Amino acid sequence: MKVCLLFLFFWIASLQVIGLPGWFAKSFNDKKLNERYVIIKPVKPYFLEADFTGDKITDVAVQVVDKKSKKRGILIINGGTNKHYIFGAGYKFANEVFDDTNWLDGWNLHKNKVAYKTLFDANGDISGSKKVKVSHPAISIYAIEDGSELAGALIYWNGTKYISIHQGE
């Protein structure tokens, strides 16, 4: 028992070394997410922290790899409720066709109240864009080509669930 507690202490401490809040580390372990996922740090910042749901409680997003499939994704744990959500890592995004974020070169907080969803025609060609209201901070993920953001997705809370919209090419 002492060995288990010692291991848990060092595991939580290791997550806090990269700046993750203690509540996040505890929730990650209590939910046994550590048995399926490994937190990775492929880009900076290593994690994103904001009130994604508008409940006035900070939520945290990290990048993970599914241990079995080796697919990358994003894990969000909502502060207060400790509910978790996976985007990628073997699971398809709500509105996207990919289940792996291995293409992700960067991410950041989107704090604008407006975003633009890329629209496609039946042939898969870009046909325009649609203005979308974003009430709370969101997560912008993107690929970089020639030093510029090329395409990606915006993950945001629509009031009842997290959804994603395609952005860029």
Protein backbone atom coordinates (compact mmCIF):
# COMPACT_ATOMS: atom_id res chain seq x y z
CA MET A 1 0.00 0.00 0.00
CA LYS A 2 2.83 2.40 0.88
CA VAL A 3 4.46 1.67 -2.48
CA CYS A 4 1.20 2.50 -4.31
CA LEU A 5 0.81 5.76 -2.42
CA LEU A 6 4.43 6.65 -3.08
CA PHE A 7 4.00 5.91 -6.80
CA LEU A 8 0.82 8.03 -6.91
CA PHE A 9 2.62 10.89 -5.17
CA PHE A 10 5.48 10.81 -7.71
CA TRP A 11 3.04 10.50 -10.63
CA ILE A 12 1.07 13.55 -9.47
CA ALA A 13 4.33 15.40 -8.81
CA SER A 14 5.57 14.58 -12.32
CA LEU A 15 2.39 16.03 -13.84
CA GLN A 16 2.77 19.14 -11.71
CA VAL A 17 6.35 19.54 -12.92
CA ILE A 18 4.99 20.49 -16.33
CA GLY A 19 2.61 22.83 -14.54
CA LEU A 20 -0.57 20.79 -14.58
CA PRO A 21 -2.88 21.51 -11.65
CA GLY A 22 -3.06 18.90 -8.88
CA TRP A 23 -6.82 18.40 -9.38
CA PHE A 24 -6.15 17.45 -13.02
CA ALA A 25 -3.53 14.86 -12.07
CA LYS A 26 -5.82 13.38 -9.43
CA SER A 27 -8.76 13.18 -11.85
CA PHE A 28 -6.53 11.68 -14.59
CA ASN A 29 -5.48 8.91 -12.22
CA ASP A 30 -8.82 8.43 -10.42
CA LYS A 31 -10.55 7.92 -13.78
CA LYS A 32 -7.78 5.45 -14.72
CA LEU A 33 -7.08 7.48 -17.85
CA ASN A 34 -3.40 6.81 -17.17
CA GLU A 35 -4.03 3.15 -18.01
CA ARG A 36 -5.08 4.02 -21.56
CA TYR A 37 -3.32 7.32 -22.36
CA VAL A 38 0.08 8.88 -22.02
CA ILE A 39 0.26 12.66 -21.76
CA ILE A 40 2.63 14.03 -24.39
CA LYS A 41 4.26 17.41 -24.89
CA PRO A 42 4.87 17.73 -28.65
CA VAL A 43 4.21 21.48 -28.83
CA LYS A 44 4.17 24.43 -26.47
CA PRO A 45 2.28 25.29 -24.47
CA TYR A 46 2.17 21.77 -23.03
CA PHE A 47 -1.40 22.24 -21.88
CA LEU A 48 -4.21 24.75 -22.26
CA GLU A 49 -6.14 26.09 -19.32
CA ALA A 50 -9.34 28.15 -19.54
CA ASP A 51 -13.02 28.13 -18.64
CA PHE A 52 -14.12 26.29 -21.80
CA THR A 53 -17.70 25.72 -20.60
CA GLY A 54 -18.54 29.09 -19.07
CA ASP A 55 -19.20 27.71 -15.58
CA LYS A 56 -16.51 29.96 -14.04
CA ILE A 57 -14.32 26.92 -13.25
CA THR A 58 -11.02 26.33 -15.05
CA ASP A 59 -10.79 23.36 -17.41
CA VAL A 60 -7.58 21.80 -18.75
CA ALA A 61 -6.67 20.29 -22.12
CA VAL A 62 -3.60 18.12 -22.78
CA GLN A 63 -2.36 16.12 -25.72
CA VAL A 64 -2.34 12.36 -25.31
CA VAL A 65 -1.41 9.16 -27.13
CA ASP A 66 -3.61 6.08 -26.89
CA LYS A 67 -1.31 3.29 -25.67
CA LYS A 68 -2.91 0.64 -27.93
CA SER A 69 -3.55 2.43 -31.20
CA LYS A 70 -0.65 4.94 -30.87
CA LYS A 71 -3.03 7.61 -32.18
CA ARG A 72 -2.74 11.11 -30.81
CA GLY A 73 -5.55 13.22 -29.49
CA ILE A 74 -6.67 15.87 -27.06
CA LEU A 75 -8.04 15.18 -23.60
CA ILE A 76 -10.11 17.81 -21.82
CA ILE A 77 -11.03 17.48 -18.17
CA ASN A 78 -13.61 19.96 -16.95
CA GLY A 79 -12.76 21.44 -13.56
CA GLY A 80 -15.42 21.04 -10.92
CA THR A 81 -17.23 18.14 -12.62
CA ASN A 82 -14.06 16.22 -13.61
CA LYS A 83 -15.89 14.98 -16.72
CA HIS A 84 -13.46 14.12 -19.47
CA TYR A 85 -13.68 14.33 -23.26
CA ILE A 86 -11.42 12.82 -25.92
CA PHE A 87 -10.87 14.24 -29.41
CA GLY A 88 -8.80 11.96 -31.61
CA ALA A 89 -6.69 9.24 -29.95
CA GLY A 90 -8.74 6.70 -31.92
CA TYR A 91 -12.07 8.55 -31.60
CA LYS A 92 -13.46 10.61 -34.45
CA PHE A 93 -14.20 14.24 -33.74
CA ALA A 94 -17.89 15.09 -33.74
CA ASN A 95 -17.82 16.92 -37.07
CA GLU A 96 -14.48 15.76 -38.46
CA VAL A 97 -13.35 12.66 -40.28
CA PHE A 98 -10.01 12.18 -38.52
CA ASP A 99 -9.35 10.18 -35.37
CA ASP A 100 -5.67 11.06 -34.98
CA THR A 101 -4.09 14.46 -34.41
CA ASN A 102 -0.62 13.37 -35.55
CA TRP A 103 -0.80 16.23 -38.09
CA LEU A 104 -1.12 18.85 -35.32
CA ASP A 105 1.79 21.31 -35.35
CA GLY A 106 0.37 23.81 -32.89
CA TRP A 107 -2.51 24.79 -30.69
CA ASN A 108 -3.65 27.80 -28.75
CA LEU A 109 -6.58 29.38 -27.01
CA HIS A 110 -9.12 31.02 -29.29
CA LYS A 111 -10.65 33.87 -27.30
CA ASN A 112 -12.56 35.63 -30.07
CA LYS A 113 -16.35 35.52 -29.86
CA VAL A 114 -16.56 34.68 -33.57
CA ALA A 115 -15.00 31.93 -35.69
CA TYR A 116 -15.42 30.88 -39.30
CA LYS A 117 -16.30 27.33 -40.25
CA THR A 118 -14.92 26.24 -43.62
CA LEU A 119 -17.66 24.92 -45.92
CA PHE A 120 -17.11 22.30 -48.60
CA ASP A 121 -19.15 21.37 -51.65
CA ALA A 122 -20.08 17.83 -52.75
CA ASN A 123 -16.68 17.43 -54.46
CA GLY A 124 -14.79 18.33 -51.29
CA ASP A 125 -13.74 21.74 -52.61
CA ILE A 126 -13.95 24.80 -50.37
CA SER A 127 -17.21 26.60 -51.10
CA GLY A 128 -17.00 29.39 -48.52
CA SER A 129 -17.29 29.90 -44.82
CA LYS A 130 -19.95 30.35 -42.19
CA LYS A 131 -19.75 32.67 -39.18
CA VAL A 132 -20.06 30.82 -35.86
CA LYS A 133 -20.61 32.38 -32.42
CA VAL A 134 -18.16 31.13 -29.80
CA SER A 135 -19.27 32.08 -26.27
CA HIS A 136 -16.26 30.81 -24.30
CA PRO A 137 -12.54 30.25 -24.92
CA ALA A 138 -11.97 27.45 -27.41
CA ILE A 139 -9.06 25.28 -28.54
CA SER A 140 -7.60 26.03 -31.95
CA ILE A 141 -5.54 23.19 -33.40
CA TYR A 142 -3.68 23.59 -36.67
CA ALA A 143 -1.08 22.34 -39.12
CA ILE A 144 1.72 24.62 -40.25
CA GLU A 145 3.05 24.83 -43.78
CA ASP A 146 5.77 27.26 -44.86
CA GLY A 147 5.65 28.91 -41.44
CA SER A 148 1.91 29.73 -41.53
CA GLU A 149 -1.18 28.12 -40.07
CA LEU A 150 -2.70 26.14 -42.92
CA ALA A 151 -5.74 24.26 -41.65
CA GLY A 152 -7.15 22.76 -38.53
CA ALA A 153 -10.14 22.73 -36.26
CA LEU A 154 -11.69 24.71 -33.48
CA ILE A 155 -12.97 22.72 -30.49
CA TYR A 156 -15.51 24.59 -28.41
CA TRP A 157 -18.39 24.15 -25.96
CA ASN A 158 -21.72 24.94 -27.65
CA GLY A 159 -23.66 25.10 -24.38
CA THR A 160 -24.37 21.36 -24.09
CA LYS A 161 -21.33 19.57 -25.55
CA TYR A 162 -17.95 20.04 -27.19
CA ILE A 163 -18.01 20.25 -30.96
CA SER A 164 -15.43 21.01 -33.59
CA ILE A 165 -15.50 22.97 -36.80
CA HIS A 166 -13.05 22.76 -39.66
CA GLN A 167 -10.98 25.85 -40.31
CA GLY A 168 -8.70 26.74 -43.20
CA GLU A 169 -7.93 24.65 -46.23
